[in-house]
Amino acid sequence: MDKLRAYLNSLSPEDREAFAKRCGATVGYLRKAMSVGQQLGEGLCLRIGIESMGNVQPEDLRPDVDWQYMRAALANPAQAATENVAVQGA
């Protein structure tokens, strides 16, 4: 969350609000999540990565998530679903 905090602090108040809105959140929500150590959802982490132009990576926010798998699943959902079924059936 340190990278997100630094990124938000680098923005003007207007840009900070616009960034949070593009991510589907509010600045207040992001600040509160950072202050209490709340885990952000995977979708929000991906949006933050995109909207920050890579300055804050999803891996920075949620190192517990397999982001390589998530990105592959988003790129090819049918293949990911098939692989997931095969893993569960094993």
N, C-alpha and C. Protein backbone atom coordinates (compact mmCIF):
# COMPACT_ATOMS: atom_id res chain seq x y z
N MET A 1 0.81 -1.21 0.00
CA MET A 1 0.00 0.00 0.00
C MET A 1 0.85 1.27 0.00
N ASP A 2 2.13 1.12 0.31
CA ASP A 2 3.00 2.30 0.32
C ASP A 2 3.10 2.94 -1.05
N LYS A 3 3.16 2.11 -2.09
CA LYS A 3 3.24 2.66 -3.44
C LYS A 3 1.95 3.39 -3.81
N LEU A 4 0.81 2.87 -3.40
CA LEU A 4 -0.45 3.54 -3.67
C LEU A 4 -0.50 4.87 -2.93
N ARG A 5 -0.09 4.88 -1.68
CA ARG A 5 -0.07 6.11 -0.89
C ARG A 5 0.82 7.16 -1.55
N ALA A 6 2.01 6.75 -1.95
CA ALA A 6 2.95 7.68 -2.59
C ALA A 6 2.39 8.18 -3.91
N TYR A 7 1.75 7.30 -4.67
CA TYR A 7 1.17 7.71 -5.94
C TYR A 7 0.05 8.72 -5.72
N LEU A 8 -0.85 8.43 -4.80
CA LEU A 8 -1.96 9.36 -4.52
C LEU A 8 -1.42 10.71 -4.06
N ASN A 9 -0.42 10.68 -3.21
CA ASN A 9 0.14 11.93 -2.69
C ASN A 9 0.86 12.74 -3.77
N SER A 10 1.26 12.08 -4.85
CA SER A 10 1.94 12.79 -5.94
C SER A 10 0.97 13.52 -6.86
N LEU A 11 -0.31 13.20 -6.73
CA LEU A 11 -1.33 13.80 -7.59
C LEU A 11 -1.92 15.06 -6.96
N SER A 12 -2.38 15.96 -7.80
CA SER A 12 -3.12 17.12 -7.30
C SER A 12 -4.46 16.62 -6.77
N PRO A 13 -5.12 17.38 -5.91
CA PRO A 13 -6.42 16.93 -5.40
C PRO A 13 -7.42 16.59 -6.51
N GLU A 14 -7.42 17.38 -7.58
CA GLU A 14 -8.35 17.12 -8.69
C GLU A 14 -7.99 15.82 -9.40
N ASP A 15 -6.69 15.62 -9.65
CA ASP A 15 -6.25 14.39 -10.32
C ASP A 15 -6.48 13.17 -9.43
N ARG A 16 -6.32 13.34 -8.13
CA ARG A 16 -6.56 12.26 -7.17
C ARG A 16 -8.02 11.81 -7.24
N GLU A 17 -8.93 12.76 -7.25
CA GLU A 17 -10.36 12.44 -7.34
C GLU A 17 -10.68 11.74 -8.66
N ALA A 18 -10.12 12.26 -9.75
CA ALA A 18 -10.37 11.67 -11.07
C ALA A 18 -9.81 10.24 -11.15
N PHE A 19 -8.63 10.04 -10.59
CA PHE A 19 -8.01 8.72 -10.56
C PHE A 19 -8.90 7.74 -9.81
N ALA A 20 -9.32 8.11 -8.62
CA ALA A 20 -10.15 7.22 -7.81
C ALA A 20 -11.45 6.90 -8.54
N LYS A 21 -12.04 7.89 -9.17
CA LYS A 21 -13.30 7.67 -9.90
C LYS A 21 -13.09 6.70 -11.05
N ARG A 22 -11.99 6.84 -11.80
CA ARG A 22 -11.70 5.93 -12.90
C ARG A 22 -11.50 4.50 -12.39
N CYS A 23 -11.02 4.38 -11.17
CA CYS A 23 -10.81 3.06 -10.57
C CYS A 23 -12.10 2.47 -10.00
N GLY A 24 -13.15 3.28 -9.93
CA GLY A 24 -14.40 2.81 -9.36
C GLY A 24 -14.44 2.92 -7.85
N ALA A 25 -13.67 3.86 -7.31
CA ALA A 25 -13.59 4.05 -5.86
C ALA A 25 -13.61 5.54 -5.56
N THR A 26 -13.44 5.87 -4.31
CA THR A 26 -13.29 7.27 -3.90
C THR A 26 -11.94 7.40 -3.20
N VAL A 27 -11.45 8.61 -3.15
CA VAL A 27 -10.19 8.84 -2.44
C VAL A 27 -10.36 8.45 -0.97
N GLY A 28 -11.50 8.79 -0.39
CA GLY A 28 -11.76 8.45 1.01
C GLY A 28 -11.69 6.95 1.24
N TYR A 29 -12.28 6.17 0.34
CA TYR A 29 -12.25 4.72 0.47
C TYR A 29 -10.81 4.21 0.39
N LEU A 30 -10.05 4.70 -0.59
CA LEU A 30 -8.66 4.25 -0.73
C LEU A 30 -7.83 4.62 0.49
N ARG A 31 -8.01 5.85 0.99
CA ARG A 31 -7.25 6.29 2.18
C ARG A 31 -7.61 5.45 3.39
N LYS A 32 -8.91 5.16 3.57
CA LYS A 32 -9.34 4.35 4.71
C LYS A 32 -8.76 2.94 4.59
N ALA A 33 -8.82 2.36 3.40
CA ALA A 33 -8.29 1.02 3.20
C ALA A 33 -6.80 0.97 3.53
N MET A 34 -6.09 2.01 3.12
CA MET A 34 -4.66 2.06 3.42
C MET A 34 -4.42 2.19 4.93
N SER A 35 -5.21 3.00 5.58
CA SER A 35 -4.97 3.27 7.01
C SER A 35 -5.26 2.07 7.89
N VAL A 36 -6.22 1.24 7.51
CA VAL A 36 -6.56 0.08 8.34
C VAL A 36 -5.97 -1.23 7.81
N GLY A 37 -5.22 -1.14 6.69
CA GLY A 37 -4.61 -2.35 6.14
C GLY A 37 -5.61 -3.28 5.48
N GLN A 38 -6.68 -2.73 4.98
CA GLN A 38 -7.72 -3.53 4.34
C GLN A 38 -7.23 -4.08 3.00
N GLN A 39 -7.61 -5.32 2.70
CA GLN A 39 -7.27 -5.89 1.41
C GLN A 39 -8.23 -5.35 0.36
N LEU A 40 -7.67 -4.86 -0.73
CA LEU A 40 -8.49 -4.40 -1.84
C LEU A 40 -8.85 -5.59 -2.71
N GLY A 41 -10.01 -5.51 -3.34
CA GLY A 41 -10.44 -6.57 -4.25
C GLY A 41 -9.53 -6.65 -5.46
N GLU A 42 -9.51 -7.83 -6.07
CA GLU A 42 -8.65 -8.05 -7.22
C GLU A 42 -8.98 -7.10 -8.37
N GLY A 43 -10.26 -6.90 -8.62
CA GLY A 43 -10.67 -6.01 -9.70
C GLY A 43 -10.18 -4.58 -9.48
N LEU A 44 -10.30 -4.11 -8.25
CA LEU A 44 -9.84 -2.76 -7.94
C LEU A 44 -8.32 -2.67 -8.08
N CYS A 45 -7.61 -3.70 -7.67
CA CYS A 45 -6.15 -3.71 -7.83
C CYS A 45 -5.76 -3.63 -9.30
N LEU A 46 -6.47 -4.35 -10.14
CA LEU A 46 -6.19 -4.30 -11.58
C LEU A 46 -6.47 -2.91 -12.14
N ARG A 47 -7.58 -2.29 -11.71
CA ARG A 47 -7.92 -0.95 -12.20
C ARG A 47 -6.86 0.06 -11.75
N ILE A 48 -6.41 -0.07 -10.52
CA ILE A 48 -5.37 0.84 -10.01
C ILE A 48 -4.11 0.69 -10.85
N GLY A 49 -3.75 -0.54 -11.19
CA GLY A 49 -2.58 -0.76 -12.03
C GLY A 49 -2.72 -0.11 -13.39
N ILE A 50 -3.90 -0.24 -13.97
CA ILE A 50 -4.15 0.34 -15.29
C ILE A 50 -4.19 1.86 -15.21
N GLU A 51 -4.98 2.38 -14.29
CA GLU A 51 -5.19 3.83 -14.21
C GLU A 51 -3.96 4.59 -13.72
N SER A 52 -3.09 3.89 -12.99
CA SER A 52 -1.85 4.55 -12.55
C SER A 52 -0.75 4.41 -13.61
N MET A 53 -1.11 3.84 -14.75
CA MET A 53 -0.16 3.61 -15.85
C MET A 53 1.05 2.80 -15.38
N GLY A 54 0.77 1.83 -14.52
CA GLY A 54 1.82 0.93 -14.06
C GLY A 54 2.64 1.42 -12.89
N ASN A 55 2.36 2.64 -12.43
CA ASN A 55 3.11 3.15 -11.28
C ASN A 55 2.83 2.35 -10.01
N VAL A 56 1.62 1.82 -9.91
CA VAL A 56 1.24 0.95 -8.80
C VAL A 56 0.76 -0.35 -9.43
N GLN A 57 1.47 -1.42 -9.21
CA GLN A 57 1.12 -2.72 -9.77
C GLN A 57 0.19 -3.48 -8.82
N PRO A 58 -0.70 -4.31 -9.36
CA PRO A 58 -1.54 -5.14 -8.48
C PRO A 58 -0.72 -5.94 -7.49
N GLU A 59 0.46 -6.40 -7.91
CA GLU A 59 1.35 -7.17 -7.02
C GLU A 59 1.78 -6.36 -5.82
N ASP A 60 1.85 -5.04 -5.98
CA ASP A 60 2.22 -4.17 -4.85
C ASP A 60 1.12 -4.16 -3.79
N LEU A 61 -0.11 -4.30 -4.25
CA LEU A 61 -1.27 -4.18 -3.35
C LEU A 61 -1.70 -5.52 -2.76
N ARG A 62 -1.60 -6.58 -3.55
CA ARG A 62 -2.03 -7.90 -3.10
C ARG A 62 -1.03 -8.96 -3.54
N PRO A 63 0.09 -9.09 -2.82
CA PRO A 63 1.09 -10.10 -3.20
C PRO A 63 0.58 -11.53 -3.03
N ASP A 64 -0.55 -11.70 -2.35
CA ASP A 64 -1.10 -13.03 -2.12
C ASP A 64 -1.86 -13.59 -3.31
N VAL A 65 -2.09 -12.80 -4.34
CA VAL A 65 -2.88 -13.22 -5.49
C VAL A 65 -1.95 -13.68 -6.61
N ASP A 66 -2.35 -14.72 -7.32
CA ASP A 66 -1.60 -15.21 -8.47
C ASP A 66 -1.98 -14.34 -9.67
N TRP A 67 -1.27 -13.23 -9.82
CA TRP A 67 -1.61 -12.26 -10.87
C TRP A 67 -1.32 -12.79 -12.26
N GLN A 68 -0.35 -13.65 -12.40
CA GLN A 68 -0.07 -14.24 -13.72
C GLN A 68 -1.29 -15.03 -14.18
N TYR A 69 -1.87 -15.82 -13.29
CA TYR A 69 -3.06 -16.59 -13.63
C TYR A 69 -4.24 -15.65 -13.91
N MET A 70 -4.40 -14.63 -13.08
CA MET A 70 -5.51 -13.70 -13.27
C MET A 70 -5.44 -13.02 -14.63
N ARG A 71 -4.26 -12.57 -15.00
CA ARG A 71 -4.09 -11.90 -16.30
C ARG A 71 -4.37 -12.88 -17.44
N ALA A 72 -3.90 -14.10 -17.31
CA ALA A 72 -4.15 -15.11 -18.34
C ALA A 72 -5.64 -15.42 -18.44
N ALA A 73 -6.30 -15.48 -17.30
CA ALA A 73 -7.74 -15.76 -17.29
C ALA A 73 -8.52 -14.64 -17.95
N LEU A 74 -8.10 -13.42 -17.72
CA LEU A 74 -8.78 -12.29 -18.36
C LEU A 74 -8.52 -12.26 -19.86
N ALA A 75 -7.34 -12.68 -20.27
CA ALA A 75 -7.00 -12.69 -21.68
C ALA A 75 -7.69 -13.83 -22.42
N ASN A 76 -7.89 -14.97 -21.75
CA ASN A 76 -8.50 -16.13 -22.40
C ASN A 76 -9.36 -16.87 -21.38
N PRO A 77 -10.57 -16.37 -21.11
CA PRO A 77 -11.41 -16.97 -20.07
C PRO A 77 -11.78 -18.43 -20.32
N ALA A 78 -11.98 -18.82 -21.58
CA ALA A 78 -12.37 -20.20 -21.87
C ALA A 78 -11.27 -21.17 -21.49
N GLN A 79 -10.03 -20.84 -21.81
CA GLN A 79 -8.90 -21.70 -21.47
C GLN A 79 -8.71 -21.77 -19.96
N ALA A 80 -8.84 -20.65 -19.28
CA ALA A 80 -8.68 -20.63 -17.83
C ALA A 80 -9.74 -21.49 -17.15
N ALA A 81 -10.98 -21.42 -17.65
CA ALA A 81 -12.06 -22.23 -17.07
C ALA A 81 -11.78 -23.72 -17.26
N THR A 82 -11.28 -24.10 -18.43
CA THR A 82 -10.94 -25.49 -18.69
C THR A 82 -9.83 -25.96 -17.78
N GLU A 83 -8.80 -25.14 -17.62
CA GLU A 83 -7.67 -25.49 -16.74
C GLU A 83 -8.13 -25.60 -15.30
N ASN A 84 -9.03 -24.73 -14.88
CA ASN A 84 -9.53 -24.74 -13.50
C ASN A 84 -10.32 -26.02 -13.25
N VAL A 85 -11.14 -26.44 -14.21
CA VAL A 85 -11.91 -27.67 -14.06
C VAL A 85 -10.97 -28.87 -13.97
N ALA A 86 -9.91 -28.88 -14.80
CA ALA A 86 -8.96 -29.97 -14.77
C ALA A 86 -8.25 -30.05 -13.43
N VAL A 87 -7.89 -28.92 -12.86
CA VAL A 87 -7.20 -28.87 -11.57
C VAL A 87 -8.13 -29.37 -10.47
N GLN A 88 -9.38 -28.94 -10.50
CA GLN A 88 -10.34 -29.34 -9.46
C GLN A 88 -10.65 -30.83 -9.53
N GLY A 89 -10.64 -31.40 -10.73
CA GLY A 89 -10.96 -32.80 -10.91
C GLY A 89 -9.81 -33.73 -10.58
N ALA A 90 -8.63 -33.17 -10.42
CA ALA A 90 -7.44 -33.99 -10.17
C ALA A 90 -7.41 -34.56 -8.78
